[in-house]
Amino acid sequence: MSLSDRERRLLAEMEAALATDDPGLESKLAGSTMTATKPRLLLALALVVLGIGVIFAGLISKTTPVGVVGFLISLTGVLTLVRSLGAVAKGAPRAKTSRKSLSQRLDERWEQRDL
């Protein structure tokens, strides 16, 4: 079931109003804004190194809870690092395509729902 001409016009008007009223929201809805910054990558690496150091401290002192805490610190650093690198990979340049309006993208999704 496609939209009527009147509904398409109303949707285009709402989209234009959204773009002028709140361009930040429109850009957030258009795509991911998550970026991996240098401090975030450095923090992740620091957490991994600190975690490994705490693990060794737990091994030397033969205290299991210290080793477990070191493992958790290191795991947090690795997860942060992987997430940051994933954001960098998503931000890689893609092939240029013609930008479609919100209403066109919604129409395409609506048409593909039955496939």
C-alpha atoms as a PDB file:
ATOM      1  CA  MET A   1       0.000   0.000   0.000  1.00  0.00           C
ATOM      2  CA  SER A   2       1.722   3.137  -1.208  1.00  0.00           C
ATOM      3  CA  LEU A   3       1.164   6.684  -0.005  1.00  0.00           C
ATOM      4  CA  SER A   4      -1.203   9.004  -1.779  1.00  0.00           C
ATOM      5  CA  ASP A   5       0.062  12.225  -3.353  1.00  0.00           C
ATOM      6  CA  ARG A   6      -1.327  14.266  -0.477  1.00  0.00           C
ATOM      7  CA  GLU A   7       0.378  12.052   2.102  1.00  0.00           C
ATOM      8  CA  ARG A   8       3.667  12.280   0.205  1.00  0.00           C
ATOM      9  CA  ARG A   9       3.444  16.084   0.147  1.00  0.00           C
ATOM     10  CA  LEU A  10       2.668  16.207   3.873  1.00  0.00           C
ATOM     11  CA  LEU A  11       5.571  13.892   4.629  1.00  0.00           C
ATOM     12  CA  ALA A  12       7.931  15.990   2.483  1.00  0.00           C
ATOM     13  CA  GLU A  13       6.767  19.154   4.275  1.00  0.00           C
ATOM     14  CA  MET A  14       7.324  17.551   7.691  1.00  0.00           C
ATOM     15  CA  GLU A  15      10.777  16.400   6.609  1.00  0.00           C
ATOM     16  CA  ALA A  16      11.691  19.891   5.378  1.00  0.00           C
ATOM     17  CA  ALA A  17      10.403  21.429   8.622  1.00  0.00           C
ATOM     18  CA  LEU A  18      12.463  18.969  10.653  1.00  0.00           C
ATOM     19  CA  ALA A  19      15.575  19.805   8.629  1.00  0.00           C
ATOM     20  CA  THR A  20      15.164  23.521   9.277  1.00  0.00           C
ATOM     21  CA  ASP A  21      14.036  23.271  12.909  1.00  0.00           C
ATOM     22  CA  ASP A  22      16.522  20.719  14.194  1.00  0.00           C
ATOM     23  CA  PRO A  23      19.343  19.808  11.784  1.00  0.00           C
ATOM     24  CA  GLY A  24      21.203  17.981  14.578  1.00  0.00           C
ATOM     25  CA  LEU A  25      18.348  15.534  15.072  1.00  0.00           C
ATOM     26  CA  GLU A  26      18.094  14.968  11.349  1.00  0.00           C
ATOM     27  CA  SER A  27      21.798  14.144  11.122  1.00  0.00           C
ATOM     28  CA  LYS A  28      21.514  11.760  14.076  1.00  0.00           C
ATOM     29  CA  LEU A  29      18.610   9.962  12.432  1.00  0.00           C
ATOM     30  CA  ALA A  30      20.423   9.844   9.095  1.00  0.00           C
ATOM     31  CA  GLY A  31      23.404   7.858  10.351  1.00  0.00           C
ATOM     32  CA  SER A  32      25.703   6.909  13.141  1.00  0.00           C
ATOM     33  CA  THR A  33      27.577   9.727  14.845  1.00  0.00           C
ATOM     34  CA  MET A  34      29.785   7.521  16.957  1.00  0.00           C
ATOM     35  CA  THR A  35      33.404   8.377  16.315  1.00  0.00           C
ATOM     36  CA  ALA A  36      36.523   6.807  17.706  1.00  0.00           C
ATOM     37  CA  THR A  37      38.773   9.504  19.025  1.00  0.00           C
ATOM     38  CA  LYS A  38      42.431   9.247  19.863  1.00  0.00           C
ATOM     39  CA  PRO A  39      41.854   9.636  23.633  1.00  0.00           C
ATOM     40  CA  ARG A  40      39.340   6.782  23.578  1.00  0.00           C
ATOM     41  CA  LEU A  41      41.813   4.481  21.847  1.00  0.00           C
ATOM     42  CA  LEU A  42      44.555   5.508  24.273  1.00  0.00           C
ATOM     43  CA  LEU A  43      42.240   4.873  27.225  1.00  0.00           C
ATOM     44  CA  ALA A  44      41.485   1.389  25.912  1.00  0.00           C
ATOM     45  CA  LEU A  45      45.159   0.572  25.505  1.00  0.00           C
ATOM     46  CA  ALA A  46      45.922   1.948  28.969  1.00  0.00           C
ATOM     47  CA  LEU A  47      43.188  -0.238  30.473  1.00  0.00           C
ATOM     48  CA  VAL A  48      44.605  -3.344  28.785  1.00  0.00           C
ATOM     49  CA  VAL A  49      48.126  -2.610  30.023  1.00  0.00           C
ATOM     50  CA  LEU A  50      46.878  -1.777  33.529  1.00  0.00           C
ATOM     51  CA  GLY A  51      44.780  -4.954  33.612  1.00  0.00           C
ATOM     52  CA  ILE A  52      47.729  -7.098  32.610  1.00  0.00           C
ATOM     53  CA  GLY A  53      49.834  -5.407  35.283  1.00  0.00           C
ATOM     54  CA  VAL A  54      47.186  -6.123  37.937  1.00  0.00           C
ATOM     55  CA  ILE A  55      46.985  -9.745  36.770  1.00  0.00           C
ATOM     56  CA  PHE A  56      50.738 -10.124  37.246  1.00  0.00           C
ATOM     57  CA  ALA A  57      50.492  -8.438  40.648  1.00  0.00           C
ATOM     58  CA  GLY A  58      47.837 -10.977  41.610  1.00  0.00           C
ATOM     59  CA  LEU A  59      50.036 -13.821  40.394  1.00  0.00           C
ATOM     60  CA  ILE A  60      53.069 -12.571  42.302  1.00  0.00           C
ATOM     61  CA  SER A  61      51.117 -12.046  45.521  1.00  0.00           C
ATOM     62  CA  LYS A  62      49.169 -15.299  44.967  1.00  0.00           C
ATOM     63  CA  THR A  63      45.894 -13.441  45.554  1.00  0.00           C
ATOM     64  CA  THR A  64      43.120 -14.695  43.284  1.00  0.00           C
ATOM     65  CA  PRO A  65      40.717 -11.726  43.713  1.00  0.00           C
ATOM     66  CA  VAL A  66      43.425  -9.310  42.546  1.00  0.00           C
ATOM     67  CA  GLY A  67      43.966 -11.427  39.436  1.00  0.00           C
ATOM     68  CA  VAL A  68      40.227 -11.507  38.741  1.00  0.00           C
ATOM     69  CA  VAL A  69      40.037  -7.701  39.063  1.00  0.00           C
ATOM     70  CA  GLY A  70      42.989  -7.409  36.672  1.00  0.00           C
ATOM     71  CA  PHE A  71      41.241  -9.679  34.202  1.00  0.00           C
ATOM     72  CA  LEU A  72      38.082  -7.556  34.370  1.00  0.00           C
ATOM     73  CA  ILE A  73      40.068  -4.349  33.841  1.00  0.00           C
ATOM     74  CA  SER A  74      41.852  -5.881  30.862  1.00  0.00           C
ATOM     75  CA  LEU A  75      38.587  -7.226  29.435  1.00  0.00           C
ATOM     76  CA  THR A  76      37.018  -3.776  29.684  1.00  0.00           C
ATOM     77  CA  GLY A  77      39.986  -2.318  27.817  1.00  0.00           C
ATOM     78  CA  VAL A  78      39.780  -4.925  25.064  1.00  0.00           C
ATOM     79  CA  LEU A  79      36.045  -4.383  24.619  1.00  0.00           C
ATOM     80  CA  THR A  80      36.533  -0.618  24.452  1.00  0.00           C
ATOM     81  CA  LEU A  81      39.325  -1.082  21.927  1.00  0.00           C
ATOM     82  CA  VAL A  82      37.254  -3.404  19.729  1.00  0.00           C
ATOM     83  CA  ARG A  83      34.292  -1.043  19.852  1.00  0.00           C
ATOM     84  CA  SER A  84      36.502   1.927  18.945  1.00  0.00           C
ATOM     85  CA  LEU A  85      38.106   0.090  16.057  1.00  0.00           C
ATOM     86  CA  GLY A  86      34.660  -1.013  14.876  1.00  0.00           C
ATOM     87  CA  ALA A  87      33.567   2.617  14.826  1.00  0.00           C
ATOM     88  CA  VAL A  88      36.643   3.513  12.789  1.00  0.00           C
ATOM     89  CA  ALA A  89      35.832   0.749  10.292  1.00  0.00           C
ATOM     90  CA  LYS A  90      32.243   1.966   9.978  1.00  0.00           C
ATOM     91  CA  GLY A  91      33.513   5.466   9.345  1.00  0.00           C
ATOM     92  CA  ALA A  92      35.587   4.293   6.396  1.00  0.00           C
ATOM     93  CA  PRO A  93      34.732   6.052   3.163  1.00  0.00           C
ATOM     94  CA  ARG A  94      32.008   4.337   1.210  1.00  0.00           C
ATOM     95  CA  ALA A  95      31.104   4.534  -2.426  1.00  0.00           C
ATOM     96  CA  LYS A  96      29.216   7.713  -3.192  1.00  0.00           C
ATOM     97  CA  THR A  97      25.526   7.100  -3.746  1.00  0.00           C
ATOM     98  CA  SER A  98      22.766   9.529  -4.402  1.00  0.00           C
ATOM     99  CA  ARG A  99      21.298  10.697  -1.111  1.00  0.00           C
ATOM    100  CA  LYS A 100      17.668   9.771  -0.727  1.00  0.00           C
ATOM    101  CA  SER A 101      15.181  11.693   1.317  1.00  0.00           C
ATOM    102  CA  LEU A 102      13.675  10.261   4.456  1.00  0.00           C
ATOM    103  CA  SER A 103      10.352   9.667   2.740  1.00  0.00           C
ATOM    104  CA  GLN A 104      12.018   7.752  -0.105  1.00  0.00           C
ATOM    105  CA  ARG A 105      13.902   5.528   2.341  1.00  0.00           C
ATOM    106  CA  LEU A 106      10.730   4.891   4.328  1.00  0.00           C
ATOM    107  CA  ASP A 107       8.867   4.044   1.115  1.00  0.00           C
ATOM    108  CA  GLU A 108      11.567   1.536   0.158  1.00  0.00           C
ATOM    109  CA  ARG A 109      11.441  -0.106   3.578  1.00  0.00           C
ATOM    110  CA  TRP A 110       7.654  -0.250   3.403  1.00  0.00           C
ATOM    111  CA  GLU A 111       7.776  -1.926   0.011  1.00  0.00           C
ATOM    112  CA  GLN A 112      10.401  -4.461   1.143  1.00  0.00           C
ATOM    113  CA  ARG A 113       8.514  -5.541   4.273  1.00  0.00           C
ATOM    114  CA  ASP A 114       6.544  -8.221   2.389  1.00  0.00           C
ATOM    115  CA  LEU A 115       9.512  -9.691   0.539  1.00  0.00           C
END
